[in-house]
């Protein structure tokens, strides 16, 4: 009877350890799902920022392109005015 009682106690102890391990596993799985959801949220935010960065880069490229032609647009009226002045003086 004593052997059976020891074996029962060992099995109960092992059973309690298995339940504790199972409980810890469930907790870790829950944390893993939480971290995965957070990672997906951060990935979505990163994609949003990347799209915004690309949009700003394109806007900057357009602005630089427009700035490149501004001196020509500013000088053209001056050149036309000088030509008209020279033509008026020459007459």
PDB file of N, CA and C in Angstrom:
ATOM      1  N   UNK A   1       0.809  -1.180   0.000  1.00  0.00           N
ATOM      2  CA  UNK A   1       0.000   0.000   0.000  1.00  0.00           C
ATOM      3  C   UNK A   1       0.864   1.261   0.000  1.00  0.00           C
ATOM      4  N   UNK A   2       1.940   1.218   0.701  1.00  0.00           N
ATOM      5  CA  UNK A   2       2.851   2.363   0.798  1.00  0.00           C
ATOM      6  C   UNK A   2       3.445   2.688  -0.570  1.00  0.00           C
ATOM      7  N   UNK A   3       3.805   1.654  -1.357  1.00  0.00           N
ATOM      8  CA  UNK A   3       4.349   1.861  -2.705  1.00  0.00           C
ATOM      9  C   UNK A   3       3.317   2.537  -3.598  1.00  0.00           C
ATOM     10  N   UNK A   4       2.088   2.061  -3.518  1.00  0.00           N
ATOM     11  CA  UNK A   4       1.024   2.634  -4.339  1.00  0.00           C
ATOM     12  C   UNK A   4       0.787   4.094  -3.959  1.00  0.00           C
ATOM     13  N   UNK A   5       0.815   4.412  -2.697  1.00  0.00           N
ATOM     14  CA  UNK A   5       0.608   5.782  -2.230  1.00  0.00           C
ATOM     15  C   UNK A   5       1.726   6.694  -2.729  1.00  0.00           C
ATOM     16  N   UNK A   6       2.979   6.210  -2.681  1.00  0.00           N
ATOM     17  CA  UNK A   6       4.111   6.993  -3.196  1.00  0.00           C
ATOM     18  C   UNK A   6       3.952   7.227  -4.697  1.00  0.00           C
ATOM     19  N   UNK A   7       3.546   6.178  -5.410  1.00  0.00           N
ATOM     20  CA  UNK A   7       3.374   6.292  -6.874  1.00  0.00           C
ATOM     21  C   UNK A   7       2.260   7.287  -7.196  1.00  0.00           C
ATOM     22  N   UNK A   8       1.183   7.237  -6.431  1.00  0.00           N
ATOM     23  CA  UNK A   8       0.074   8.179  -6.640  1.00  0.00           C
ATOM     24  C   UNK A   8       0.545   9.608  -6.386  1.00  0.00           C
ATOM     25  N   UNK A   9       1.299   9.829  -5.340  1.00  0.00           N
ATOM     26  CA  UNK A   9       1.818  11.163  -5.030  1.00  0.00           C
ATOM     27  C   UNK A   9       2.767  11.651  -6.121  1.00  0.00           C
ATOM     28  N   UNK A  10       3.611  10.746  -6.635  1.00  0.00           N
ATOM     29  CA  UNK A  10       4.517  11.114  -7.734  1.00  0.00           C
ATOM     30  C   UNK A  10       3.724  11.508  -8.971  1.00  0.00           C
ATOM     31  N   UNK A  11       2.693  10.710  -9.279  1.00  0.00           N
ATOM     32  CA  UNK A  11       1.872  11.018 -10.453  1.00  0.00           C
ATOM     33  C   UNK A  11       1.107  12.327 -10.270  1.00  0.00           C
ATOM     34  N   UNK A  12       0.613  12.582  -9.080  1.00  0.00           N
ATOM     35  CA  UNK A  12      -0.079  13.849  -8.821  1.00  0.00           C
ATOM     36  C   UNK A  12       0.877  15.032  -8.944  1.00  0.00           C
ATOM     37  N   UNK A  13       2.090  14.850  -8.447  1.00  0.00           N
ATOM     38  CA  UNK A  13       3.097  15.910  -8.567  1.00  0.00           C
ATOM     39  C   UNK A  13       3.436  16.145 -10.039  1.00  0.00           C
ATOM     40  N   UNK A  14       3.622  15.070 -10.788  1.00  0.00           N
ATOM     41  CA  UNK A  14       3.920  15.187 -12.219  1.00  0.00           C
ATOM     42  C   UNK A  14       2.755  15.837 -12.950  1.00  0.00           C
ATOM     43  N   UNK A  15       1.529  15.460 -12.563  1.00  0.00           N
ATOM     44  CA  UNK A  15       0.340  16.048 -13.171  1.00  0.00           C
ATOM     45  C   UNK A  15       0.278  17.550 -12.885  1.00  0.00           C
ATOM     46  N   UNK A  16       0.578  17.961 -11.667  1.00  0.00           N
ATOM     47  CA  UNK A  16       0.587  19.382 -11.308  1.00  0.00           C
ATOM     48  C   UNK A  16       1.651  20.131 -12.104  1.00  0.00           C
ATOM     49  N   UNK A  17       2.813  19.519 -12.280  1.00  0.00           N
ATOM     50  CA  UNK A  17       3.879  20.147 -13.074  1.00  0.00           C
ATOM     51  C   UNK A  17       3.451  20.290 -14.530  1.00  0.00           C
ATOM     52  N   UNK A  18       2.776  19.265 -15.054  1.00  0.00           N
ATOM     53  CA  UNK A  18       2.306  19.336 -16.442  1.00  0.00           C
ATOM     54  C   UNK A  18       1.262  20.443 -16.609  1.00  0.00           C
ATOM     55  N   UNK A  19       0.346  20.572 -15.639  1.00  0.00           N
ATOM     56  CA  UNK A  19      -0.633  21.654 -15.705  1.00  0.00           C
ATOM     57  C   UNK A  19       0.046  23.016 -15.627  1.00  0.00           C
ATOM     58  N   UNK A  20       1.063  23.128 -14.805  1.00  0.00           N
ATOM     59  CA  UNK A  20       1.801  24.390 -14.699  1.00  0.00           C
ATOM     60  C   UNK A  20       2.499  24.706 -16.021  1.00  0.00           C
ATOM     61  N   UNK A  21       3.106  23.681 -16.625  1.00  0.00           N
ATOM     62  CA  UNK A  21       3.762  23.860 -17.923  1.00  0.00           C
ATOM     63  C   UNK A  21       2.747  24.269 -18.981  1.00  0.00           C
ATOM     64  N   UNK A  22       1.584  23.615 -18.970  1.00  0.00           N
ATOM     65  CA  UNK A  22       0.531  23.952 -19.926  1.00  0.00           C
ATOM     66  C   UNK A  22       0.050  25.386 -19.720  1.00  0.00           C
ATOM     67  N   UNK A  23      -0.112  25.782 -18.467  1.00  0.00           N
ATOM     68  CA  UNK A  23      -0.531  27.148 -18.159  1.00  0.00           C
ATOM     69  C   UNK A  23       0.502  28.155 -18.655  1.00  0.00           C
ATOM     70  N   UNK A  24       1.768  27.869 -18.414  1.00  0.00           N
ATOM     71  CA  UNK A  24       2.841  28.758 -18.891  1.00  0.00           C
ATOM     72  C   UNK A  24       2.850  28.835 -20.409  1.00  0.00           C
ATOM     73  N   UNK A  25       2.590  27.701 -21.059  1.00  0.00           N
ATOM     74  CA  UNK A  25       2.558  27.679 -22.522  1.00  0.00           C
ATOM     75  C   UNK A  25       1.431  28.560 -23.049  1.00  0.00           C
ATOM     76  N   UNK A  26       0.244  28.466 -22.431  1.00  0.00           N
ATOM     77  CA  UNK A  26      -0.871  29.323 -22.840  1.00  0.00           C
ATOM     78  C   UNK A  26      -0.525  30.799 -22.653  1.00  0.00           C
ATOM     79  N   UNK A  27       0.121  31.119 -21.542  1.00  0.00           N
ATOM     80  CA  UNK A  27       0.514  32.514 -21.299  1.00  0.00           C
ATOM     81  C   UNK A  27       1.495  32.994 -22.364  1.00  0.00           C
ATOM     82  N   UNK A  28       2.476  32.141 -22.689  1.00  0.00           N
ATOM     83  CA  UNK A  28       3.461  32.522 -23.706  1.00  0.00           C
ATOM     84  C   UNK A  28       2.809  32.675 -25.071  1.00  0.00           C
ATOM     85  N   UNK A  29       1.858  31.796 -25.391  1.00  0.00           N
ATOM     86  CA  UNK A  29       1.150  31.918 -26.667  1.00  0.00           C
ATOM     87  C   UNK A  29       0.358  33.220 -26.727  1.00  0.00           C
ATOM     88  N   UNK A  30      -0.280  33.575 -25.623  1.00  0.00           N
ATOM     89  CA  UNK A  30      -1.031  34.831 -25.580  1.00  0.00           C
ATOM     90  C   UNK A  30      -0.094  36.017 -25.771  1.00  0.00           C
ATOM     91  N   UNK A  31       1.057  35.987 -25.109  1.00  0.00           N
ATOM     92  CA  UNK A  31       2.039  37.062 -25.287  1.00  0.00           C
ATOM     93  C   UNK A  31       2.544  37.100 -26.724  1.00  0.00           C
ATOM     94  N   UNK A  32       2.754  35.920 -27.299  1.00  0.00           N
ATOM     95  CA  UNK A  32       3.214  35.850 -28.686  1.00  0.00           C
ATOM     96  C   UNK A  32       2.202  36.466 -29.634  1.00  0.00           C
ATOM     97  N   UNK A  33       0.917  36.169 -29.416  1.00  0.00           N
ATOM     98  CA  UNK A  33      -0.122  36.763 -30.264  1.00  0.00           C
ATOM     99  C   UNK A  33      -0.172  38.276 -30.079  1.00  0.00           C
ATOM    100  N   UNK A  34       0.025  38.723 -28.834  1.00  0.00           N
ATOM    101  CA  UNK A  34       0.028  40.164 -28.565  1.00  0.00           C
ATOM    102  C   UNK A  34       1.191  40.840 -29.290  1.00  0.00           C
ATOM    103  N   UNK A  35       2.371  40.234 -29.209  1.00  0.00           N
ATOM    104  CA  UNK A  35       3.533  40.803 -29.891  1.00  0.00           C
ATOM    105  C   UNK A  35       3.359  40.764 -31.405  1.00  0.00           C
ATOM    106  N   UNK A  36       2.747  39.713 -31.919  1.00  0.00           N
ATOM    107  CA  UNK A  36       2.514  39.616 -33.365  1.00  0.00           C
ATOM    108  C   UNK A  36       1.557  40.717 -33.819  1.00  0.00           C
ATOM    109  N   UNK A  37       0.512  40.964 -33.040  1.00  0.00           N
ATOM    110  CA  UNK A  37      -0.421  42.043 -33.378  1.00  0.00           C
ATOM    111  C   UNK A  37       0.293  43.394 -33.337  1.00  0.00           C
ATOM    112  N   UNK A  38       1.146  43.593 -32.343  1.00  0.00           N
ATOM    113  CA  UNK A  38       1.904  44.843 -32.248  1.00  0.00           C
ATOM    114  C   UNK A  38       2.861  44.991 -33.430  1.00  0.00           C
ATOM    115  N   UNK A  39       3.481  43.877 -33.834  1.00  0.00           N
ATOM    116  CA  UNK A  39       4.399  43.907 -34.969  1.00  0.00           C
ATOM    117  C   UNK A  39       3.655  44.266 -36.253  1.00  0.00           C
ATOM    118  N   UNK A  40       2.474  43.689 -36.444  1.00  0.00           N
ATOM    119  CA  UNK A  40       1.677  44.013 -37.627  1.00  0.00           C
ATOM    120  C   UNK A  40       1.261  45.478 -37.618  1.00  0.00           C
ATOM    121  N   UNK A  41       0.906  45.977 -36.440  1.00  0.00           N
ATOM    122  CA  UNK A  41       0.536  47.391 -36.321  1.00  0.00           C
ATOM    123  C   UNK A  41       1.721  48.285 -36.686  1.00  0.00           C
ATOM    124  N   UNK A  42       2.903  47.935 -36.183  1.00  0.00           N
ATOM    125  CA  UNK A  42       4.101  48.726 -36.491  1.00  0.00           C
ATOM    126  C   UNK A  42       4.465  48.632 -37.970  1.00  0.00           C
ATOM    127  N   UNK A  43       4.267  47.457 -38.575  1.00  0.00           N
ATOM    128  CA  UNK A  43       4.537  47.317 -40.008  1.00  0.00           C
ATOM    129  C   UNK A  43       3.605  48.204 -40.821  1.00  0.00           C
ATOM    130  N   UNK A  44       2.325  48.247 -40.440  1.00  0.00           N
ATOM    131  CA  UNK A  44       1.375  49.106 -41.144  1.00  0.00           C
ATOM    132  C   UNK A  44       1.774  50.572 -40.999  1.00  0.00           C
ATOM    133  N   UNK A  45       2.192  50.954 -39.808  1.00  0.00           N
ATOM    134  CA  UNK A  45       2.623  52.332 -39.576  1.00  0.00           C
ATOM    135  C   UNK A  45       3.881  52.648 -40.380  1.00  0.00           C
ATOM    136  N   UNK A  46       4.798  51.688 -40.445  1.00  0.00           N
ATOM    137  CA  UNK A  46       6.020  51.881 -41.226  1.00  0.00           C
ATOM    138  C   UNK A  46       5.689  52.058 -42.706  1.00  0.00           C
ATOM    139  N   UNK A  47       4.753  51.274 -43.220  1.00  0.00           N
ATOM    140  CA  UNK A  47       4.354  51.410 -44.618  1.00  0.00           C
ATOM    141  C   UNK A  47       3.717  52.769 -44.868  1.00  0.00           C
ATOM    142  N   UNK A  48       2.926  53.243 -43.899  1.00  0.00           N
ATOM    143  CA  UNK A  48       2.307  54.559 -44.031  1.00  0.00           C
ATOM    144  C   UNK A  48       3.381  55.646 -44.089  1.00  0.00           C
ATOM    145  N   UNK A  49       4.375  55.554 -43.200  1.00  0.00           N
ATOM    146  CA  UNK A  49       5.453  56.544 -43.203  1.00  0.00           C
ATOM    147  C   UNK A  49       6.286  56.460 -44.483  1.00  0.00           C
ATOM    148  N   UNK A  50       6.494  55.252 -44.990  1.00  0.00           N
ATOM    149  CA  UNK A  50       7.253  55.083 -46.231  1.00  0.00           C
ATOM    150  C   UNK A  50       6.509  55.728 -47.398  1.00  0.00           C
ATOM    151  N   UNK A  51       5.186  55.545 -47.442  1.00  0.00           N
ATOM    152  CA  UNK A  51       4.387  56.173 -48.499  1.00  0.00           C
ATOM    153  C   UNK A  51       4.453  57.695 -48.382  1.00  0.00           C
ATOM    154  N   UNK A  52       4.389  58.206 -47.165  1.00  0.00           N
ATOM    155  CA  UNK A  52       4.481  59.653 -46.953  1.00  0.00           C
ATOM    156  C   UNK A  52       5.857  60.176 -47.369  1.00  0.00           C
ATOM    157  N   UNK A  53       6.906  59.422 -47.053  1.00  0.00           N
ATOM    158  CA  UNK A  53       8.260  59.819 -47.433  1.00  0.00           C
ATOM    159  C   UNK A  53       8.393  59.868 -48.954  1.00  0.00           C
ATOM    160  N   UNK A  54       7.840  58.867 -49.632  1.00  0.00           N
ATOM    161  CA  UNK A  54       7.908  58.853 -51.096  1.00  0.00           C
ATOM    162  C   UNK A  54       7.139  60.024 -51.688  1.00  0.00           C
ATOM    163  N   UNK A  55       5.971  60.335 -51.097  1.00  0.00           N
ATOM    164  CA  UNK A  55       5.184  61.464 -51.593  1.00  0.00           C
ATOM    165  C   UNK A  55       5.964  62.773 -51.419  1.00  0.00           C
ATOM    166  N   UNK A  56       6.593  62.936 -50.255  1.00  0.00           N
ATOM    167  CA  UNK A  56       7.385  64.145 -50.018  1.00  0.00           C
ATOM    168  C   UNK A  56       8.591  64.214 -50.949  1.00  0.00           C
ATOM    169  N   UNK A  57       9.194  63.070 -51.217  1.00  0.00           N
ATOM    170  CA  UNK A  57      10.326  63.035 -52.136  1.00  0.00           C
ATOM    171  C   UNK A  57       9.895  63.454 -53.537  1.00  0.00           C
ATOM    172  N   UNK A  58       8.754  62.956 -53.979  1.00  0.00           N
ATOM    173  CA  UNK A  58       8.240  63.332 -55.303  1.00  0.00           C
ATOM    174  C   UNK A  58       7.918  64.823 -55.335  1.00  0.00           C
ATOM    175  N   UNK A  59       7.287  65.332 -54.263  1.00  0.00           N
ATOM    176  CA  UNK A  59       6.993  66.769 -54.204  1.00  0.00           C
ATOM    177  C   UNK A  59       8.273  67.595 -54.258  1.00  0.00           C
ATOM    178  N   UNK A  60       9.307  67.148 -53.561  1.00  0.00           N
ATOM    179  CA  UNK A  60      10.591  67.850 -53.570  1.00  0.00           C
ATOM    180  C   UNK A  60      11.198  67.833 -54.964  1.00  0.00           C
ATOM    181  N   UNK A  61      11.108  66.683 -55.626  1.00  0.00           N
ATOM    182  CA  UNK A  61      11.655  66.593 -56.984  1.00  0.00           C
ATOM    183  C   UNK A  61      10.919  67.538 -57.922  1.00  0.00           C
ATOM    184  N   UNK A  62       9.601  67.650 -57.773  1.00  0.00           N
ATOM    185  CA  UNK A  62       8.829  68.575 -58.615  1.00  0.00           C
ATOM    186  C   UNK A  62       9.238  70.013 -58.333  1.00  0.00           C
ATOM    187  N   UNK A  63       9.430  70.339 -57.049  1.00  0.00           N
ATOM    188  CA  UNK A  63       9.803  71.691 -56.676  1.00  0.00           C
ATOM    189  C   UNK A  63      11.187  72.036 -57.229  1.00  0.00           C
ATOM    190  N   UNK A  64      12.121  71.105 -57.138  1.00  0.00           N
ATOM    191  CA  UNK A  64      13.470  71.349 -57.658  1.00  0.00           C
ATOM    192  C   UNK A  64      13.413  71.545 -59.164  1.00  0.00           C
ATOM    193  N   UNK A  65      12.585  70.741 -59.826  1.00  0.00           N
ATOM    194  CA  UNK A  65      12.442  70.875 -61.272  1.00  0.00           C
ATOM    195  C   UNK A  65      11.886  72.256 -61.616  1.00  0.00           C
ATOM    196  N   UNK A  66      10.894  72.717 -60.850  1.00  0.00           N
ATOM    197  CA  UNK A  66      10.315  74.034 -61.104  1.00  0.00           C
ATOM    198  C   UNK A  66      11.319  75.145 -60.804  1.00  0.00           C
ATOM    199  N   UNK A  67      12.101  74.986 -59.737  1.00  0.00           N
ATOM    200  CA  UNK A  67      13.099  75.995 -59.373  1.00  0.00           C
ATOM    201  C   UNK A  67      14.164  76.107 -60.456  1.00  0.00           C
ATOM    202  N   UNK A  68      14.454  75.009 -61.127  1.00  0.00           N
ATOM    203  CA  UNK A  68      15.483  75.010 -62.162  1.00  0.00           C
ATOM    204  C   UNK A  68      15.116  75.975 -63.296  1.00  0.00           C
ATOM    205  N   UNK A  69      13.829  76.109 -63.597  1.00  0.00           N
ATOM    206  CA  UNK A  69      13.404  76.973 -64.699  1.00  0.00           C
ATOM    207  C   UNK A  69      13.047  78.385 -64.246  1.00  0.00           C
ATOM    208  N   UNK A  70      13.038  78.657 -62.966  1.00  0.00           N
ATOM    209  CA  UNK A  70      12.679  79.988 -62.488  1.00  0.00           C
ATOM    210  C   UNK A  70      13.627  81.085 -62.972  1.00  0.00           C
ATOM    211  N   UNK A  71      14.946  80.862 -62.960  1.00  0.00           N
ATOM    212  CA  UNK A  71      15.816  81.939 -63.472  1.00  0.00           C
ATOM    213  C   UNK A  71      15.501  82.309 -64.927  1.00  0.00           C
ATOM    214  N   UNK A  72      15.189  81.311 -65.726  1.00  0.00           N
ATOM    215  CA  UNK A  72      14.846  81.590 -67.129  1.00  0.00           C
ATOM    216  C   UNK A  72      13.576  82.430 -67.186  1.00  0.00           C
ATOM    217  N   UNK A  73      12.602  82.084 -66.356  1.00  0.00           N
ATOM    218  CA  UNK A  73      11.349  82.836 -66.352  1.00  0.00           C
ATOM    219  C   UNK A  73      11.553  84.259 -65.842  1.00  0.00           C
ATOM    220  N   UNK A  74      12.508  84.451 -64.941  1.00  0.00           N
ATOM    221  CA  UNK A  74      12.773  85.791 -64.432  1.00  0.00           C
ATOM    222  C   UNK A  74      13.576  86.632 -65.416  1.00  0.00           C
ATOM    223  N   UNK A  75      14.499  86.006 -66.112  1.00  0.00           N
ATOM    224  CA  UNK A  75      15.379  86.736 -67.030  1.00  0.00           C
ATOM    225  C   UNK A  75      14.675  87.074 -68.344  1.00  0.00           C
ATOM    226  N   UNK A  76      13.752  86.235 -68.784  1.00  0.00           N
ATOM    227  CA  UNK A  76      13.095  86.440 -70.082  1.00  0.00           C
ATOM    228  C   UNK A  76      12.454  87.824 -70.204  1.00  0.00           C
ATOM    229  N   UNK A  77      11.669  88.303 -69.260  1.00  0.00           N
ATOM    230  CA  UNK A  77      11.100  89.654 -69.416  1.00  0.00           C
ATOM    231  C   UNK A  77      12.169  90.747 -69.464  1.00  0.00           C
ATOM    232  N   UNK A  78      13.257  90.551 -68.696  1.00  0.00           N
ATOM    233  CA  UNK A  78      14.338  91.541 -68.740  1.00  0.00           C
ATOM    234  C   UNK A  78      14.984  91.590 -70.116  1.00  0.00           C
ATOM    235  N   UNK A  79      15.228  90.419 -70.682  1.00  0.00           N
ATOM    236  CA  UNK A  79      15.854  90.364 -72.009  1.00  0.00           C
ATOM    237  C   UNK A  79      14.937  90.998 -73.051  1.00  0.00           C
ATOM    238  N   UNK A  80      13.651  90.682 -72.985  1.00  0.00           N
ATOM    239  CA  UNK A  80      12.694  91.264 -73.940  1.00  0.00           C
ATOM    240  C   UNK A  80      12.638  92.780 -73.766  1.00  0.00           C
ATOM    241  N   UNK A  81      12.651  93.244 -72.535  1.00  0.00           N
ATOM    242  CA  UNK A  81      12.629  94.695 -72.286  1.00  0.00           C
ATOM    243  C   UNK A  81      13.889  95.360 -72.820  1.00  0.00           C
ATOM    244  N   UNK A  82      15.050  94.733 -72.604  1.00  0.00           N
ATOM    245  CA  UNK A  82      16.297  95.299 -73.128  1.00  0.00           C
ATOM    246  C   UNK A  82      16.289  95.342 -74.647  1.00  0.00           C
ATOM    247  N   UNK A  83      15.793  94.285 -75.271  1.00  0.00           N
ATOM    248  CA  UNK A  83      15.726  94.272 -76.743  1.00  0.00           C
ATOM    249  C   UNK A  83      14.793  95.382 -77.224  1.00  0.00           C
ATOM    250  N   UNK A  84      13.661  95.549 -76.549  1.00  0.00           N
ATOM    251  CA  UNK A  84      12.727  96.612 -76.932  1.00  0.00           C
ATOM    252  C   UNK A  84      13.364  97.982 -76.719  1.00  0.00           C
ATOM    253  N   UNK A  85      14.119  98.146 -75.641  1.00  0.00           N
ATOM    254  CA  UNK A  85      14.786  99.414 -75.366  1.00  0.00           C
ATOM    255  C   UNK A  85      15.843  99.711 -76.425  1.00  0.00           C
ATOM    256  N   UNK A  86      16.638  98.696 -76.745  1.00  0.00           N
ATOM    257  CA  UNK A  86      17.665  98.873 -77.778  1.00  0.00           C
ATOM    258  C   UNK A  86      17.012  99.189 -79.120  1.00  0.00           C
ATOM    259  N   UNK A  87      15.916  98.506 -79.432  1.00  0.00           N
ATOM    260  CA  UNK A  87      15.214  98.768 -80.695  1.00  0.00           C
ATOM    261  C   UNK A  87      14.644 100.182 -80.708  1.00  0.00           C
ATOM    262  N   UNK A  88      14.137 100.636 -79.562  1.00  0.00           N
ATOM    263  CA  UNK A  88      13.569 101.984 -79.493  1.00  0.00           C
ATOM    264  C   UNK A  88      14.665 103.030 -79.631  1.00  0.00           C
ATOM    265  N   UNK A  89      15.822 102.774 -79.018  1.00  0.00           N
ATOM    266  CA  UNK A  89      16.927 103.721 -79.116  1.00  0.00           C
ATOM    267  C   UNK A  89      17.486 103.740 -80.535  1.00  0.00           C
ATOM    268  N   UNK A  90      17.531 102.579 -81.172  1.00  0.00           N
ATOM    269  CA  UNK A  90      18.092 102.480 -82.512  1.00  0.00           C
ATOM    270  C   UNK A  90      17.234 103.215 -83.537  1.00  0.00           C
ATOM    271  N   UNK A  91      15.978 103.368 -83.309  1.00  0.00           N
ATOM    272  CA  UNK A  91      15.119 104.069 -84.262  1.00  0.00           C
ATOM    273  C   UNK A  91      15.392 105.508 -84.157  1.00  0.00           C
TER     274      UNK A  91
END
